[in-house]
Protein backbone atom coordinates (compact mmCIF):
# COMPACT_ATOMS: atom_id res chain seq x y z
CA UNK A 1 14.03 20.20 -27.71
CA UNK A 2 12.25 19.25 -24.71
CA UNK A 3 14.38 17.83 -21.66
CA UNK A 4 12.86 14.98 -20.56
CA UNK A 5 11.53 15.02 -16.61
CA UNK A 6 12.76 11.23 -15.33
CA UNK A 7 11.77 10.63 -11.63
CA UNK A 8 11.79 7.83 -9.62
CA UNK A 9 9.96 7.27 -6.49
CA UNK A 10 9.95 4.57 -3.92
CA UNK A 11 7.35 3.44 -1.19
CA UNK A 12 8.65 1.82 1.86
CA UNK A 13 5.69 0.02 3.29
CA UNK A 14 4.72 -2.05 6.18
CA UNK A 15 4.85 -5.31 3.78
CA UNK A 16 6.39 -4.41 0.31
CA UNK A 17 8.66 -2.15 -1.03
CA UNK A 18 7.88 -0.53 -4.19
CA UNK A 19 9.49 1.37 -7.21
CA UNK A 20 8.28 3.17 -10.21
CA UNK A 21 10.58 5.27 -12.45
CA UNK A 22 8.89 7.60 -14.85
CA UNK A 23 9.26 10.18 -17.79
CA UNK A 24 6.83 13.05 -16.54
CA UNK A 25 5.54 15.53 -19.32
CA UNK A 26 2.14 17.61 -19.06
CA UNK A 27 1.09 15.70 -16.03
CA UNK A 28 1.06 12.06 -17.71
CA UNK A 29 3.40 9.32 -16.79
CA UNK A 30 5.45 7.22 -19.08
CA UNK A 31 6.49 4.05 -17.23
CA UNK A 32 10.11 3.11 -17.32
CA UNK A 33 10.36 0.55 -14.43
CA UNK A 34 8.34 -1.01 -12.16
CA UNK A 35 8.94 -3.10 -9.22
CA UNK A 36 7.82 -4.60 -6.35
CA UNK A 37 9.47 -6.52 -3.52
CA UNK A 38 8.21 -8.13 -0.30
CA UNK A 39 10.25 -6.92 2.38
CA UNK A 40 7.92 -7.74 5.36
CA UNK A 41 9.28 -4.38 7.67
CA UNK A 42 6.06 -4.51 9.88
CA UNK A 43 6.83 -8.04 10.86
CA UNK A 44 5.76 -8.44 14.65
CA UNK A 45 6.13 -5.31 14.90
CA UNK A 46 3.59 -4.79 17.84
CA UNK A 47 5.37 -7.13 20.03
CA UNK A 48 8.97 -5.77 19.49
CA UNK A 49 8.01 -2.18 18.40
CA UNK A 50 11.36 -2.16 16.19
CA UNK A 51 11.88 -3.65 12.75
CA UNK A 52 13.47 -7.28 12.44
CA UNK A 53 16.67 -7.58 11.49
CA UNK A 54 16.07 -10.23 8.65
CA UNK A 55 13.29 -7.24 7.35
CA UNK A 56 15.74 -4.53 7.69
CA UNK A 57 18.39 -6.77 5.33
CA UNK A 58 15.73 -7.61 2.75
CA UNK A 59 14.85 -3.78 2.79
CA UNK A 60 18.14 -2.80 2.27
CA UNK A 61 18.97 -5.13 -0.73
CA UNK A 62 15.78 -4.23 -2.32
CA UNK A 63 16.89 -0.48 -1.79
CA UNK A 64 20.35 -1.20 -2.99
CA UNK A 65 18.93 -3.02 -6.22
CA UNK A 66 16.29 0.01 -7.07
CA UNK A 67 19.00 2.72 -6.51
CA UNK A 68 20.85 1.38 -9.04
CA UNK A 69 18.19 0.87 -11.34
CA UNK A 70 17.14 4.77 -10.54
CA UNK A 71 20.87 5.35 -11.84
CA UNK A 72 20.34 3.30 -15.09
CA UNK A 73 17.69 6.04 -15.99
CA UNK A 74 19.50 8.90 -14.79
CA UNK A 75 18.22 9.32 -11.88
CA UNK A 76 20.61 10.12 -8.96
CA UNK A 77 19.88 8.71 -5.49
CA UNK A 78 19.23 11.96 -3.96
CA UNK A 79 16.81 12.70 -6.25
CA UNK A 80 14.57 9.83 -5.54
CA UNK A 81 11.28 10.62 -3.75
CA UNK A 82 11.83 7.86 -0.98
CA UNK A 83 8.69 7.52 1.61
CA UNK A 84 7.91 5.23 4.22
CA UNK A 85 4.50 4.61 6.13
CA UNK A 86 3.12 3.29 9.15
CA UNK A 87 5.52 0.67 10.56
CA UNK A 88 8.47 3.33 10.04
CA UNK A 89 6.37 5.72 12.48
CA UNK A 90 6.14 2.78 15.10
CA UNK A 91 9.63 1.45 14.85
CA UNK A 92 12.48 2.53 17.42
CA UNK A 93 15.01 1.89 15.07
CA UNK A 94 13.57 3.31 12.13
CA UNK A 95 15.84 5.95 12.45
CA UNK A 96 19.09 4.22 12.91
CA UNK A 97 17.94 2.04 10.10
CA UNK A 98 16.99 4.92 7.47
CA UNK A 99 20.37 6.66 8.54
CA UNK A 100 22.49 3.65 7.41
CA UNK A 101 20.52 3.70 3.83
CA UNK A 102 21.50 7.20 3.25
CA UNK A 103 24.67 6.79 4.06
CA UNK A 104 25.30 3.73 2.21
CA UNK A 105 23.08 4.28 -0.69
CA UNK A 106 22.51 7.86 -1.24
CA UNK A 107 18.52 7.75 -0.40
CA UNK A 108 16.88 10.10 1.69
CA UNK A 109 13.95 8.58 3.54
CA UNK A 110 11.04 10.37 4.57
CA UNK A 111 8.48 9.27 6.77
CA UNK A 112 5.40 10.83 6.04
CA UNK A 113 1.79 11.24 7.93
CA UNK A 114 -1.42 9.49 7.53
CA UNK A 115 -2.82 12.45 5.98
CA UNK A 116 0.02 12.32 3.90
CA UNK A 117 -0.63 8.85 2.73
CA UNK A 118 -4.30 9.87 1.95
CA UNK A 119 -3.06 12.67 -0.06
CA UNK A 120 -0.62 10.83 -2.55
CA UNK A 121 -2.62 7.76 -2.61
CA UNK A 122 -5.36 9.77 -4.03
CA UNK A 123 -3.40 11.41 -6.47
CA UNK A 124 -2.24 8.18 -7.54
CA UNK A 125 -6.03 6.80 -8.04
CA UNK A 126 -7.41 9.46 -9.63
CA UNK A 127 -4.54 10.12 -12.32
CA UNK A 128 -5.91 9.43 -15.48
CA UNK A 129 -9.55 7.84 -14.35
CA UNK A 130 -12.65 8.62 -15.45
CA UNK A 131 -15.24 8.09 -12.42
CA UNK A 132 -19.06 8.55 -12.52
CA UNK A 133 -19.90 9.49 -9.27
CA UNK A 134 -18.62 12.75 -7.78
CA UNK A 135 -17.63 11.56 -4.48
CA UNK A 136 -16.06 8.17 -4.06
CA UNK A 137 -14.68 5.89 -1.35
CA UNK A 138 -11.22 4.88 -1.48
CA UNK A 139 -9.88 1.85 0.73
CA UNK A 140 -5.91 1.48 1.38
CA UNK A 141 -5.01 -1.98 3.23
CA UNK A 142 -1.08 -1.53 3.99
CA UNK A 143 0.66 -4.24 5.68
CA UNK A 144 0.25 -2.22 9.35
CA UNK A 145 -2.48 0.40 8.23
CA UNK A 146 -5.80 0.71 6.64
CA UNK A 147 -6.73 4.19 5.19
CA UNK A 148 -10.27 5.20 3.98
CA UNK A 149 -10.45 8.43 1.77
CA UNK A 150 -13.60 10.06 0.76
CA UNK A 151 -12.74 12.21 -2.33
CA UNK A 152 -14.64 14.72 -4.90
CA UNK A 153 -13.53 13.30 -8.17
CA UNK A 154 -14.07 16.61 -9.99
CA UNK A 155 -12.09 18.81 -7.83
CA UNK A 156 -9.63 15.84 -6.53
CA UNK A 157 -10.44 17.36 -2.87
CA UNK A 158 -10.31 15.38 0.10
CA UNK A 159 -13.29 15.51 2.01
CA UNK A 160 -12.44 13.12 4.75
CA UNK A 161 -9.57 10.23 5.85
CA UNK A 162 -8.65 7.86 8.69
CA UNK A 163 -5.82 5.77 9.28
CA UNK A 164 -6.70 2.42 11.59
CA UNK A 165 -3.83 0.47 13.17
CA UNK A 166 -4.62 -2.70 11.09
CA UNK A 167 -3.14 -4.11 7.74
CA UNK A 168 -2.19 -7.57 6.17
CA UNK A 169 1.11 -7.79 8.18
CA UNK A 170 -0.56 -6.83 11.37
CA UNK A 171 -4.07 -8.63 11.17
CA UNK A 172 -1.87 -12.08 10.16
CA UNK A 173 0.11 -11.55 13.54
CA UNK A 174 -3.39 -11.01 15.35
CA UNK A 175 -4.40 -14.23 13.75
CA UNK A 176 -1.49 -16.05 14.62
CA UNK A 177 -1.97 -14.82 18.50
CA UNK A 178 -5.83 -15.39 18.32
CA UNK A 179 -6.45 -12.11 19.01
CA UNK A 180 -7.72 -11.11 15.37
CA UNK A 181 -11.37 -11.09 16.90
CA UNK A 182 -10.84 -9.09 19.92
CA UNK A 183 -8.53 -6.45 18.10
CA UNK A 184 -11.14 -5.58 15.42
CA UNK A 185 -14.05 -5.65 16.87
CA UNK A 186 -12.33 -2.76 19.45
CA UNK A 187 -10.90 -1.00 16.45
CA UNK A 188 -14.69 -0.88 15.02
CA UNK A 189 -15.92 0.38 18.22
CA UNK A 190 -12.92 2.93 18.63
CA UNK A 191 -13.79 4.18 15.16
CA UNK A 192 -17.48 3.55 14.77
CA UNK A 193 -18.46 6.80 13.73
CA UNK A 194 -15.91 7.84 11.50
CA UNK A 195 -16.28 4.52 9.40
CA UNK A 196 -20.13 5.17 9.37
CA UNK A 197 -19.07 8.28 7.20
CA UNK A 198 -17.44 6.16 4.72
CA UNK A 199 -20.21 3.46 4.09
CA UNK A 200 -20.68 3.06 0.18
CA UNK A 201 -21.90 0.55 -2.32
CA UNK A 202 -19.00 1.44 -4.66
CA UNK A 203 -15.63 0.93 -2.92
CA UNK A 204 -12.31 1.89 -4.95
CA UNK A 205 -9.27 -0.30 -3.34
CA UNK A 206 -5.50 0.06 -3.64
CA UNK A 207 -2.67 -1.71 -2.84
CA UNK A 208 -1.28 -5.12 -2.55
CA UNK A 209 -4.05 -7.08 -1.16
CA UNK A 210 -6.67 -6.35 -3.19
CA UNK A 211 -4.67 -6.54 -6.14
CA UNK A 212 -3.80 -9.81 -4.94
CA UNK A 213 -7.11 -10.94 -3.92
CA UNK A 214 -8.25 -9.78 -7.55
CA UNK A 215 -5.70 -12.17 -9.20
CA UNK A 216 -6.70 -15.01 -7.11
CA UNK A 217 -10.48 -14.53 -8.27
CA UNK A 218 -8.99 -14.38 -11.54
CA UNK A 219 -7.60 -17.77 -10.59
CA UNK A 220 -4.26 -16.67 -12.15
CA UNK A 221 -0.90 -18.37 -10.94
CA UNK A 222 1.34 -15.19 -12.33
CA UNK A 223 0.39 -11.72 -11.33
CA UNK A 224 -0.16 -9.11 -14.74
CA UNK A 225 -0.83 -5.96 -12.98
CA UNK A 226 -2.09 -3.93 -15.75
CA UNK A 227 -5.05 -6.69 -16.04
CA UNK A 228 -5.97 -5.58 -12.89
CA UNK A 229 -6.18 -1.80 -12.88
CA UNK A 230 -9.93 -1.37 -13.19
CA UNK A 231 -10.93 -4.52 -12.42
CA UNK A 232 -14.43 -4.87 -10.48
CA UNK A 233 -15.22 -7.45 -8.03
CA UNK A 234 -18.59 -8.33 -6.30
CA UNK A 235 -18.77 -8.53 -2.44
CA UNK A 236 -19.83 -11.72 -3.25
CA UNK A 237 -16.75 -12.75 -4.55
CA UNK A 238 -15.11 -11.57 -1.57
CA UNK A 239 -16.94 -13.80 0.46
CA UNK A 240 -16.35 -16.82 -1.58
CA UNK A 241 -12.86 -16.10 -1.47
CA UNK A 242 -12.71 -15.54 2.58
CA UNK A 243 -14.89 -18.67 2.90
CA UNK A 244 -12.57 -20.83 0.87
CA UNK A 245 -8.85 -19.32 2.05
CA UNK A 246 -9.50 -17.74 5.66
CA UNK A 247 -7.95 -20.32 7.39
CA UNK A 248 -5.61 -21.18 4.71
CA UNK A 249 -1.50 -21.79 5.77
CA UNK A 250 0.81 -19.66 3.88
CA UNK A 251 2.28 -22.96 2.18
CA UNK A 252 -0.91 -23.76 0.27
CA UNK A 253 -1.46 -20.10 -0.66
CA UNK A 254 2.07 -20.49 -2.38
CA UNK A 255 0.99 -23.69 -3.87
CA UNK A 256 -2.28 -22.49 -5.30
CA UNK A 257 -0.95 -18.96 -6.18
CA UNK A 258 2.99 -18.82 -7.23
CA UNK A 259 2.62 -15.01 -8.13
CA UNK A 260 2.04 -14.33 -4.27
CA UNK A 261 5.77 -15.66 -3.56
CA UNK A 262 6.43 -14.01 0.24
CA UNK A 263 3.02 -12.28 0.20
CA UNK A 264 1.55 -15.64 0.76
CA UNK A 265 3.03 -15.17 4.64
CA UNK A 266 0.22 -12.32 4.93
CA UNK A 267 -2.40 -12.84 2.35
CA UNK A 268 -4.79 -14.23 5.11
CA UNK A 269 -4.44 -11.25 7.25
CA UNK A 270 -4.99 -9.18 4.30
CA UNK A 271 -8.05 -11.18 3.28
CA UNK A 272 -9.61 -11.04 6.87
CA UNK A 273 -9.12 -7.36 6.50
CA UNK A 274 -10.56 -7.00 3.17
CA UNK A 275 -13.57 -9.33 3.98
CA UNK A 276 -14.63 -7.58 7.29
CA UNK A 277 -14.27 -3.87 6.25
CA UNK A 278 -15.73 -4.24 3.04
CA UNK A 279 -18.89 -5.57 4.89
CA UNK A 280 -18.58 -2.88 7.53
CA UNK A 281 -18.64 -0.18 4.69
CA UNK A 282 -21.81 -1.76 2.99
CA UNK A 283 -19.97 -2.40 0.01
CA UNK A 284 -21.19 -4.28 -3.06
CA UNK A 285 -18.93 -3.35 -5.90
CA UNK A 286 -15.12 -3.05 -5.33
CA UNK A 287 -13.12 -1.62 -8.31
CA UNK A 288 -9.36 -2.28 -8.15
CA UNK A 289 -6.37 0.34 -9.09
CA UNK A 290 -3.08 -0.13 -9.20
CA UNK A 291 -2.41 3.13 -9.27
CA UNK A 292 -1.14 4.08 -5.31
CA UNK A 293 1.37 5.90 -3.55
CA UNK A 294 4.19 6.01 -5.67
CA UNK A 295 2.01 7.15 -8.03
CA UNK A 296 1.07 10.22 -6.27
CA UNK A 297 4.32 10.85 -5.10
CA UNK A 298 6.14 10.92 -8.28
CA UNK A 299 3.26 13.27 -10.01
CA UNK A 300 3.85 15.43 -7.08
CA UNK A 301 7.73 15.27 -7.50
CA UNK A 302 8.08 16.30 -3.91
CA UNK A 303 6.90 15.78 -0.33
CA UNK A 304 5.18 18.62 0.98
CA UNK A 305 6.70 19.99 4.77
CA UNK A 306 3.30 19.31 6.23
CA UNK A 307 3.41 15.94 5.41
CA UNK A 308 6.38 14.92 6.80
CA UNK A 309 5.97 12.51 10.24
CA UNK A 310 9.30 13.65 11.34
CA UNK A 311 12.25 15.07 10.28
CA UNK A 312 15.40 12.04 10.22
C-alpha cells in the first residue's frame, strides 16, 4: 500500500495569510484545503516599523483556524511549512509575535529572504504549466514588496531576480500620504538598470493583486480562483481598470466587487503598482497564475537553510 504524503503550507504575507493542504505524490498535488484571509500585517509598516496589534490579532486567529484545518487532515502543527516574507523582515516585533504563535499554536514560522520568495514562487508558477517561451518574466506583487523573476522554463533555472520595497499595502499608504509619485519615481531610478533587464512582451503574474484585477476584469462579484488560473489580460485592460478605479475609495471597491472583502482597503495601491510596472516593463500581455509561493513550498517539502532570512 502506498502511504499518502499529506503536506500543509502557510504563506504569511504583508496583506494576506494563505493556506494549502495537499496530497503530494510523484511531484503532483491533489488539493485538500485552500484558504485565504486578509490580515494586513504590513499596514503602516513604514511608519511604525512594527506590526499593528489589530493585524497581529487577525493573523493569529487565521493561523489558529488554519492549524485546526491542518490537524483535521492529519498534519501536525510542527510539520506545517510556514513562511513569512517582507513585512516580517522589517517589523521589529516580528520575532516576539511569531514566538507567541509557536508557543500557543505549535506553528514554527520561517522568515525567508527575497531569493527564497523568487525560488518558491517560481516553483509554484511552473507547476504543471506549459510555456511557449523558453525564458519568461514573472511579477509577484505582494503587500510590501514586488518581485521580478526571469526563469528558464525548460530547466526551471532562475536567471535573475530582484525584490523591490513596494506592494499593495505600502502603495496604498503612499497614496494616502500623497507620497506615491515621488516614492515610485525614486524606486524606478534606484532599480533602473535592473528593471530594464526584465522588460518583456508577455508577463506572468502571481499573487492577490493580479488575481483580483483579473476577477474585476471579468466583472465578477464572487471570486472563483480556478477560473483565473491561465487567464490572459491585455495591457489595455489594465489601463481601463486604472482609468476607472485609480482614485476609487475602498467602500466603492467593496460595493462593486464584494469578493475583495478586506482586500478592498489595499486594491487601489495594488492597481497603481500593477499599472506602472506593466508599462515600465513594456508588457503587452499578462498571464495570471494562482499557483504561488505556498504551492512551491509544499512541492519542495521544506525550506532550505540558505533561504532563511534569520533564525527565530
